[in-house]
Amino acid sequence: MHEVSKAQLRVMPLHAITEVCGEPGLRRRLALELLALPDDDRRAVGAATRWAAELHQGQRRTREPYVNHPLRVTLRMLCHYWVADPCAACWTAPTPRWRRT
């Protein structure tokens, strides 16, 4: 992973973060975005993040870990669509349980 500053991470397109920084970069960007949420909402998103990582451990989606997809969806909901409700922003994309590896 290439190290990028917080300022760069905040303005990079999500696909660029994925290519340059991978999953750790997406997690760093999500952590930065969560700073704007109240504590309870931050904890809810954190719990969802941990659950998604557990559910999709070892799964791949094309060239990347599958968990990158729900991370990007959550970031899009928070950053681009300004959805402030963590229940709506967390993992709204269906994650099929039958795809477990």
N, C-alpha and C. Protein backbone atom coordinates (compact mmCIF):
# COMPACT_ATOMS: atom_id res chain seq x y z
N MET A 1 0.84 -1.18 0.00
CA MET A 1 0.00 0.00 0.00
C MET A 1 0.88 1.24 0.00
N HIS A 2 0.53 2.19 -0.81
CA HIS A 2 1.22 3.47 -0.82
C HIS A 2 0.65 4.33 0.29
N GLU A 3 1.51 5.05 0.98
CA GLU A 3 1.07 5.94 2.05
C GLU A 3 0.65 7.27 1.44
N VAL A 4 -0.58 7.66 1.70
CA VAL A 4 -1.06 8.96 1.24
C VAL A 4 -1.55 9.73 2.45
N SER A 5 -1.49 11.05 2.35
CA SER A 5 -1.91 11.89 3.47
C SER A 5 -3.42 11.85 3.63
N LYS A 6 -3.88 12.28 4.80
CA LYS A 6 -5.32 12.36 5.06
C LYS A 6 -5.99 13.29 4.06
N ALA A 7 -5.34 14.40 3.77
CA ALA A 7 -5.90 15.37 2.82
C ALA A 7 -6.06 14.74 1.44
N GLN A 8 -5.06 14.00 0.99
CA GLN A 8 -5.15 13.34 -0.31
C GLN A 8 -6.24 12.27 -0.31
N LEU A 9 -6.30 11.52 0.77
CA LEU A 9 -7.27 10.44 0.88
C LEU A 9 -8.70 10.96 0.80
N ARG A 10 -8.94 12.12 1.38
CA ARG A 10 -10.29 12.70 1.38
C ARG A 10 -10.77 13.12 -0.01
N VAL A 11 -9.85 13.43 -0.91
CA VAL A 11 -10.26 13.92 -2.24
C VAL A 11 -10.07 12.88 -3.34
N MET A 12 -9.41 11.79 -3.04
CA MET A 12 -9.19 10.76 -4.06
C MET A 12 -10.50 10.05 -4.40
N PRO A 13 -10.74 9.77 -5.68
CA PRO A 13 -11.89 8.94 -6.03
C PRO A 13 -11.75 7.56 -5.39
N LEU A 14 -12.87 6.95 -5.08
CA LEU A 14 -12.84 5.66 -4.38
C LEU A 14 -12.14 4.58 -5.19
N HIS A 15 -12.30 4.59 -6.51
CA HIS A 15 -11.60 3.58 -7.31
C HIS A 15 -10.09 3.79 -7.25
N ALA A 16 -9.65 5.05 -7.15
CA ALA A 16 -8.22 5.32 -7.04
C ALA A 16 -7.69 4.86 -5.69
N ILE A 17 -8.45 5.08 -4.64
CA ILE A 17 -8.04 4.59 -3.31
C ILE A 17 -7.88 3.08 -3.36
N THR A 18 -8.84 2.41 -4.00
CA THR A 18 -8.78 0.95 -4.12
C THR A 18 -7.52 0.51 -4.84
N GLU A 19 -7.21 1.14 -5.96
CA GLU A 19 -6.04 0.75 -6.76
C GLU A 19 -4.72 1.06 -6.07
N VAL A 20 -4.64 2.24 -5.45
CA VAL A 20 -3.37 2.69 -4.87
C VAL A 20 -3.15 2.15 -3.46
N CYS A 21 -4.21 2.13 -2.66
CA CYS A 21 -4.07 1.81 -1.23
C CYS A 21 -4.73 0.51 -0.81
N GLY A 22 -5.62 -0.01 -1.63
CA GLY A 22 -6.31 -1.25 -1.29
C GLY A 22 -7.27 -1.10 -0.13
N GLU A 23 -7.59 -2.24 0.47
CA GLU A 23 -8.54 -2.26 1.60
C GLU A 23 -8.12 -1.34 2.75
N PRO A 24 -6.83 -1.32 3.13
CA PRO A 24 -6.44 -0.42 4.22
C PRO A 24 -6.76 1.05 3.91
N GLY A 25 -6.60 1.45 2.66
CA GLY A 25 -6.91 2.83 2.28
C GLY A 25 -8.39 3.12 2.38
N LEU A 26 -9.23 2.17 1.95
CA LEU A 26 -10.67 2.35 2.07
C LEU A 26 -11.07 2.44 3.53
N ARG A 27 -10.46 1.63 4.37
CA ARG A 27 -10.76 1.69 5.81
C ARG A 27 -10.32 3.02 6.42
N ARG A 28 -9.15 3.52 5.99
CA ARG A 28 -8.70 4.83 6.48
C ARG A 28 -9.65 5.93 6.06
N ARG A 29 -10.11 5.89 4.80
CA ARG A 29 -11.05 6.90 4.31
C ARG A 29 -12.36 6.83 5.09
N LEU A 30 -12.85 5.62 5.34
CA LEU A 30 -14.08 5.47 6.11
C LEU A 30 -13.90 6.02 7.52
N ALA A 31 -12.76 5.75 8.14
CA ALA A 31 -12.50 6.28 9.48
C ALA A 31 -12.53 7.81 9.48
N LEU A 32 -11.98 8.42 8.44
CA LEU A 32 -12.02 9.89 8.34
C LEU A 32 -13.44 10.40 8.20
N GLU A 33 -14.25 9.73 7.40
CA GLU A 33 -15.63 10.16 7.20
C GLU A 33 -16.47 9.97 8.46
N LEU A 34 -16.15 8.94 9.22
CA LEU A 34 -16.91 8.66 10.44
C LEU A 34 -16.72 9.72 11.52
N LEU A 35 -15.65 10.47 11.42
CA LEU A 35 -15.41 11.53 12.42
C LEU A 35 -16.54 12.54 12.46
N ALA A 36 -17.28 12.66 11.36
CA ALA A 36 -18.38 13.63 11.28
C ALA A 36 -19.67 13.10 11.91
N LEU A 37 -19.71 11.80 12.23
CA LEU A 37 -20.92 11.21 12.79
C LEU A 37 -20.90 11.23 14.32
N PRO A 38 -22.08 11.23 14.94
CA PRO A 38 -22.15 11.10 16.40
C PRO A 38 -21.58 9.76 16.85
N ASP A 39 -21.17 9.68 18.11
CA ASP A 39 -20.52 8.48 18.65
C ASP A 39 -21.33 7.21 18.43
N ASP A 40 -22.62 7.23 18.71
CA ASP A 40 -23.45 6.03 18.55
C ASP A 40 -23.46 5.56 17.10
N ASP A 41 -23.57 6.50 16.17
CA ASP A 41 -23.57 6.14 14.75
C ASP A 41 -22.22 5.60 14.33
N ARG A 42 -21.16 6.20 14.85
CA ARG A 42 -19.81 5.73 14.54
C ARG A 42 -19.62 4.28 15.01
N ARG A 43 -20.13 3.99 16.21
CA ARG A 43 -20.02 2.62 16.72
C ARG A 43 -20.82 1.64 15.86
N ALA A 44 -22.00 2.06 15.40
CA ALA A 44 -22.82 1.18 14.55
C ALA A 44 -22.11 0.85 13.25
N VAL A 45 -21.53 1.86 12.63
CA VAL A 45 -20.80 1.63 11.38
C VAL A 45 -19.56 0.77 11.64
N GLY A 46 -18.89 1.01 12.74
CA GLY A 46 -17.73 0.19 13.11
C GLY A 46 -18.09 -1.27 13.29
N ALA A 47 -19.23 -1.52 13.95
CA ALA A 47 -19.69 -2.90 14.15
C ALA A 47 -20.03 -3.55 12.81
N ALA A 48 -20.67 -2.80 11.93
CA ALA A 48 -21.01 -3.33 10.61
C ALA A 48 -19.75 -3.63 9.81
N THR A 49 -18.74 -2.78 9.94
CA THR A 49 -17.47 -2.98 9.23
C THR A 49 -16.81 -4.28 9.69
N ARG A 50 -16.78 -4.49 10.99
CA ARG A 50 -16.17 -5.71 11.52
C ARG A 50 -16.95 -6.95 11.08
N TRP A 51 -18.28 -6.85 11.09
CA TRP A 51 -19.12 -7.98 10.68
C TRP A 51 -18.91 -8.32 9.21
N ALA A 52 -18.87 -7.29 8.36
CA ALA A 52 -18.64 -7.52 6.93
C ALA A 52 -17.27 -8.17 6.69
N ALA A 53 -16.26 -7.71 7.42
CA ALA A 53 -14.92 -8.29 7.26
C ALA A 53 -14.94 -9.77 7.65
N GLU A 54 -15.68 -10.09 8.71
CA GLU A 54 -15.77 -11.48 9.15
C GLU A 54 -16.53 -12.33 8.13
N LEU A 55 -17.68 -11.81 7.64
CA LEU A 55 -18.49 -12.56 6.68
C LEU A 55 -17.75 -12.83 5.36
N HIS A 56 -16.96 -11.88 4.94
CA HIS A 56 -16.32 -11.97 3.62
C HIS A 56 -14.84 -12.30 3.68
N GLN A 57 -14.38 -12.76 4.83
CA GLN A 57 -12.97 -13.11 4.98
C GLN A 57 -12.57 -14.15 3.94
N GLY A 58 -11.53 -13.85 3.21
CA GLY A 58 -11.01 -14.78 2.22
C GLY A 58 -11.72 -14.76 0.88
N GLN A 59 -12.82 -14.03 0.75
CA GLN A 59 -13.54 -13.96 -0.52
C GLN A 59 -12.89 -12.92 -1.43
N ARG A 60 -12.95 -13.18 -2.72
CA ARG A 60 -12.39 -12.26 -3.70
C ARG A 60 -13.48 -11.83 -4.66
N ARG A 61 -13.37 -10.61 -5.12
CA ARG A 61 -14.28 -10.06 -6.14
C ARG A 61 -13.35 -9.54 -7.24
N THR A 62 -13.29 -10.18 -8.33
CA THR A 62 -12.32 -9.91 -9.40
C THR A 62 -10.92 -9.93 -8.81
N ARG A 63 -10.22 -8.79 -8.80
CA ARG A 63 -8.83 -8.76 -8.35
C ARG A 63 -8.66 -8.31 -6.91
N GLU A 64 -9.73 -8.14 -6.18
CA GLU A 64 -9.62 -7.53 -4.86
C GLU A 64 -10.43 -8.29 -3.82
N PRO A 65 -10.17 -8.03 -2.54
CA PRO A 65 -11.01 -8.65 -1.51
C PRO A 65 -12.46 -8.19 -1.67
N TYR A 66 -13.40 -9.09 -1.47
CA TYR A 66 -14.82 -8.76 -1.65
C TYR A 66 -15.24 -7.62 -0.73
N VAL A 67 -14.69 -7.56 0.47
CA VAL A 67 -15.12 -6.55 1.45
C VAL A 67 -14.89 -5.13 0.93
N ASN A 68 -14.03 -4.94 -0.06
CA ASN A 68 -13.84 -3.61 -0.63
C ASN A 68 -15.14 -3.07 -1.23
N HIS A 69 -15.96 -3.96 -1.78
CA HIS A 69 -17.21 -3.51 -2.39
C HIS A 69 -18.15 -2.88 -1.35
N PRO A 70 -18.50 -3.56 -0.25
CA PRO A 70 -19.36 -2.90 0.73
C PRO A 70 -18.71 -1.67 1.37
N LEU A 71 -17.39 -1.66 1.48
CA LEU A 71 -16.72 -0.45 1.98
C LEU A 71 -16.96 0.73 1.04
N ARG A 72 -16.81 0.49 -0.26
CA ARG A 72 -17.04 1.57 -1.24
C ARG A 72 -18.50 2.01 -1.25
N VAL A 73 -19.42 1.06 -1.15
CA VAL A 73 -20.85 1.43 -1.12
C VAL A 73 -21.14 2.32 0.08
N THR A 74 -20.62 1.96 1.23
CA THR A 74 -20.84 2.77 2.43
C THR A 74 -20.23 4.15 2.26
N LEU A 75 -19.04 4.22 1.72
CA LEU A 75 -18.41 5.52 1.50
C LEU A 75 -19.20 6.36 0.51
N ARG A 76 -19.72 5.74 -0.54
CA ARG A 76 -20.54 6.50 -1.49
C ARG A 76 -21.78 7.06 -0.80
N MET A 77 -22.42 6.23 0.02
CA MET A 77 -23.63 6.68 0.72
C MET A 77 -23.31 7.87 1.64
N LEU A 78 -22.20 7.79 2.36
CA LEU A 78 -21.84 8.85 3.30
C LEU A 78 -21.29 10.10 2.61
N CYS A 79 -20.44 9.92 1.61
CA CYS A 79 -19.72 11.04 1.00
C CYS A 79 -20.43 11.69 -0.17
N HIS A 80 -21.01 10.87 -1.02
CA HIS A 80 -21.57 11.41 -2.26
C HIS A 80 -23.07 11.67 -2.17
N TYR A 81 -23.77 10.83 -1.39
CA TYR A 81 -25.22 10.99 -1.29
C TYR A 81 -25.61 11.61 0.05
N TRP A 82 -24.65 11.86 0.88
CA TRP A 82 -24.83 12.52 2.19
C TRP A 82 -25.91 11.87 3.05
N VAL A 83 -25.93 10.57 3.05
CA VAL A 83 -26.86 9.84 3.91
C VAL A 83 -26.25 9.82 5.30
N ALA A 84 -26.94 10.44 6.25
CA ALA A 84 -26.40 10.55 7.61
C ALA A 84 -26.85 9.42 8.51
N ASP A 85 -27.83 8.62 8.08
CA ASP A 85 -28.33 7.52 8.89
C ASP A 85 -27.44 6.30 8.68
N PRO A 86 -26.71 5.88 9.71
CA PRO A 86 -25.79 4.76 9.52
C PRO A 86 -26.48 3.46 9.16
N CYS A 87 -27.74 3.30 9.57
CA CYS A 87 -28.45 2.07 9.21
C CYS A 87 -28.67 2.01 7.71
N ALA A 88 -28.88 3.15 7.08
CA ALA A 88 -29.05 3.18 5.64
C ALA A 88 -27.71 3.12 4.93
N ALA A 89 -26.70 3.73 5.52
CA ALA A 89 -25.39 3.82 4.87
C ALA A 89 -24.58 2.55 5.01
N CYS A 90 -24.79 1.79 6.06
CA CYS A 90 -24.00 0.59 6.31
C CYS A 90 -24.50 -0.58 5.51
N TRP A 91 -23.69 -1.01 4.57
CA TRP A 91 -23.90 -2.30 3.95
C TRP A 91 -25.29 -2.44 3.36
N THR A 92 -25.71 -1.42 2.62
CA THR A 92 -27.01 -1.49 1.97
C THR A 92 -26.99 -2.43 0.77
N ALA A 93 -25.82 -2.65 0.22
CA ALA A 93 -25.73 -3.58 -0.91
C ALA A 93 -25.92 -5.00 -0.39
N PRO A 94 -26.72 -5.81 -1.07
CA PRO A 94 -26.91 -7.18 -0.60
C PRO A 94 -25.60 -7.95 -0.64
N THR A 95 -25.34 -8.69 0.40
CA THR A 95 -24.13 -9.50 0.47
C THR A 95 -24.58 -10.95 0.58
N PRO A 96 -24.55 -11.66 -0.52
CA PRO A 96 -25.10 -13.02 -0.54
C PRO A 96 -24.33 -13.96 0.36
N ARG A 97 -25.03 -14.59 1.27
CA ARG A 97 -24.42 -15.53 2.20
C ARG A 97 -23.98 -16.80 1.48
N TRP A 98 -24.64 -17.13 0.37
CA TRP A 98 -24.33 -18.37 -0.32
C TRP A 98 -23.00 -18.30 -1.06
N ARG A 99 -22.36 -17.12 -1.09
CA ARG A 99 -21.08 -17.00 -1.80
C ARG A 99 -19.91 -17.25 -0.88
N ARG A 100 -20.17 -17.69 0.35
CA ARG A 100 -19.07 -17.96 1.29
C ARG A 100 -18.11 -18.98 0.69
N THR A 101 -16.82 -18.76 0.92
CA THR A 101 -15.85 -19.70 0.37
C THR A 101 -15.28 -20.55 1.47
